[in-house]
């Protein structure tokens, strides 16, 4: 047996990094309340096509019903992270989206896209 099998951090080839568990990310999308359902469906289909597992969805609306926010928590393997970033950029380009905030489980903001 090789010692690298017992102590994977000693393996600098990157093989151990590819076996790591998916990281948890959180999207926060602030949009017009009227278009919330359409944006939510768009996000659902894009994440489903990428085969990403959604853990939770939380929706909140302001009292005036003009703005609404959707918070989506999901698992994403490291090799799909760039595709997740592309989804965030596409959502940020929608004229109905006011803000997209994307962060990893450690709380570090990866992207904040004001519209």
Protein backbone atom coordinates (compact mmCIF):
# COMPACT_ATOMS: atom_id res chain seq x y z
CA UNK A 1 0.00 0.00 0.00
CA UNK A 2 1.15 3.46 -0.77
CA UNK A 3 1.29 6.04 1.95
CA UNK A 4 -0.54 8.50 -0.33
CA UNK A 5 -3.67 6.37 -0.06
CA UNK A 6 -3.76 6.92 3.68
CA UNK A 7 -2.59 10.51 3.61
CA UNK A 8 -4.12 12.03 0.44
CA UNK A 9 -2.85 15.54 1.20
CA UNK A 10 0.65 14.27 0.36
CA UNK A 11 -0.43 13.52 -3.21
CA UNK A 12 0.37 16.62 -5.23
CA UNK A 13 -0.80 15.17 -8.53
CA UNK A 14 -4.33 16.51 -8.06
CA UNK A 15 -5.96 13.09 -7.89
CA UNK A 16 -7.03 13.70 -4.30
CA UNK A 17 -8.53 17.08 -5.21
CA UNK A 18 -10.80 15.52 -7.80
CA UNK A 19 -12.31 13.21 -5.17
CA UNK A 20 -13.35 16.04 -2.86
CA UNK A 21 -16.98 16.49 -1.99
CA UNK A 22 -18.98 19.12 -3.87
CA UNK A 23 -18.96 22.57 -2.36
CA UNK A 24 -22.16 24.26 -1.25
CA UNK A 25 -23.00 27.52 -3.02
CA UNK A 26 -25.76 30.04 -2.52
CA UNK A 27 -27.36 32.23 -5.18
CA UNK A 28 -29.35 35.27 -4.14
CA UNK A 29 -31.34 36.81 -6.97
CA UNK A 30 -33.22 40.08 -6.45
CA UNK A 31 -35.73 40.72 -9.20
CA UNK A 32 -39.05 42.34 -9.97
CA UNK A 33 -41.83 40.51 -8.17
CA UNK A 34 -43.84 40.05 -11.37
CA UNK A 35 -41.08 38.07 -13.06
CA UNK A 36 -40.04 35.95 -10.10
CA UNK A 37 -41.74 32.76 -11.31
CA UNK A 38 -40.23 32.99 -14.80
CA UNK A 39 -36.72 33.54 -13.41
CA UNK A 40 -37.17 30.71 -10.94
CA UNK A 41 -38.19 28.34 -13.74
CA UNK A 42 -35.24 29.44 -15.87
CA UNK A 43 -32.86 28.78 -12.98
CA UNK A 44 -34.48 25.41 -12.27
CA UNK A 45 -34.05 24.21 -15.86
CA UNK A 46 -30.46 25.45 -16.11
CA UNK A 47 -29.44 23.78 -12.85
CA UNK A 48 -31.25 20.59 -13.82
CA UNK A 49 -29.46 20.50 -17.18
CA UNK A 50 -26.14 20.82 -15.34
CA UNK A 51 -27.24 18.00 -13.01
CA UNK A 52 -26.70 20.14 -9.91
CA UNK A 53 -28.51 19.20 -6.71
CA UNK A 54 -30.56 21.97 -5.14
CA UNK A 55 -30.69 21.72 -1.34
CA UNK A 56 -33.07 24.56 -0.53
CA UNK A 57 -35.01 27.41 -2.10
CA UNK A 58 -36.22 30.40 -0.11
CA UNK A 59 -38.38 33.13 -1.61
CA UNK A 60 -39.25 36.44 0.00
CA UNK A 61 -41.22 39.40 -1.27
CA UNK A 62 -41.17 42.98 -0.10
CA UNK A 63 -44.39 44.38 1.30
CA UNK A 64 -44.81 46.56 -1.77
CA UNK A 65 -44.58 43.44 -3.98
CA UNK A 66 -42.28 45.26 -6.39
CA UNK A 67 -39.08 43.40 -5.55
CA UNK A 68 -38.61 39.79 -4.59
CA UNK A 69 -35.57 37.72 -3.72
CA UNK A 70 -34.86 34.07 -4.31
CA UNK A 71 -32.11 32.29 -2.39
CA UNK A 72 -31.04 28.93 -3.85
CA UNK A 73 -28.62 26.70 -1.95
CA UNK A 74 -26.98 23.94 -3.98
CA UNK A 75 -24.10 21.49 -4.23
CA UNK A 76 -21.68 21.99 -7.11
CA UNK A 77 -18.63 19.85 -7.89
CA UNK A 78 -15.44 21.84 -8.56
CA UNK A 79 -15.35 20.91 -12.26
CA UNK A 80 -18.79 22.54 -12.83
CA UNK A 81 -18.02 25.79 -11.01
CA UNK A 82 -17.29 27.71 -14.22
CA UNK A 83 -20.68 26.65 -15.62
CA UNK A 84 -22.34 27.82 -12.42
CA UNK A 85 -20.65 31.18 -12.92
CA UNK A 86 -22.04 31.33 -16.46
CA UNK A 87 -25.55 30.77 -15.07
CA UNK A 88 -25.05 33.67 -12.64
CA UNK A 89 -23.87 35.93 -15.46
CA UNK A 90 -26.85 35.01 -17.65
CA UNK A 91 -29.25 35.75 -14.82
CA UNK A 92 -27.54 39.08 -14.16
CA UNK A 93 -28.06 40.13 -17.78
CA UNK A 94 -31.83 39.86 -17.54
CA UNK A 95 -33.47 43.31 -17.47
CA UNK A 96 -35.79 42.15 -14.67
CA UNK A 97 -32.95 41.17 -12.33
CA UNK A 98 -31.72 43.89 -10.01
CA UNK A 99 -28.91 41.95 -8.33
CA UNK A 100 -27.25 38.52 -8.29
CA UNK A 101 -25.11 37.58 -5.31
CA UNK A 102 -23.20 34.31 -5.40
CA UNK A 103 -21.15 32.92 -2.53
CA UNK A 104 -19.64 29.65 -1.34
CA UNK A 105 -20.35 27.95 1.98
CA UNK A 106 -17.49 29.74 3.71
CA UNK A 107 -19.33 33.01 3.12
CA UNK A 108 -16.80 34.39 0.64
CA UNK A 109 -18.58 36.36 -2.07
CA UNK A 110 -17.66 35.05 -5.49
CA UNK A 111 -19.67 37.48 -7.57
CA UNK A 112 -22.02 40.36 -6.97
CA UNK A 113 -23.66 41.57 -10.13
CA UNK A 114 -25.74 44.73 -9.91
CA UNK A 115 -28.04 45.14 -12.86
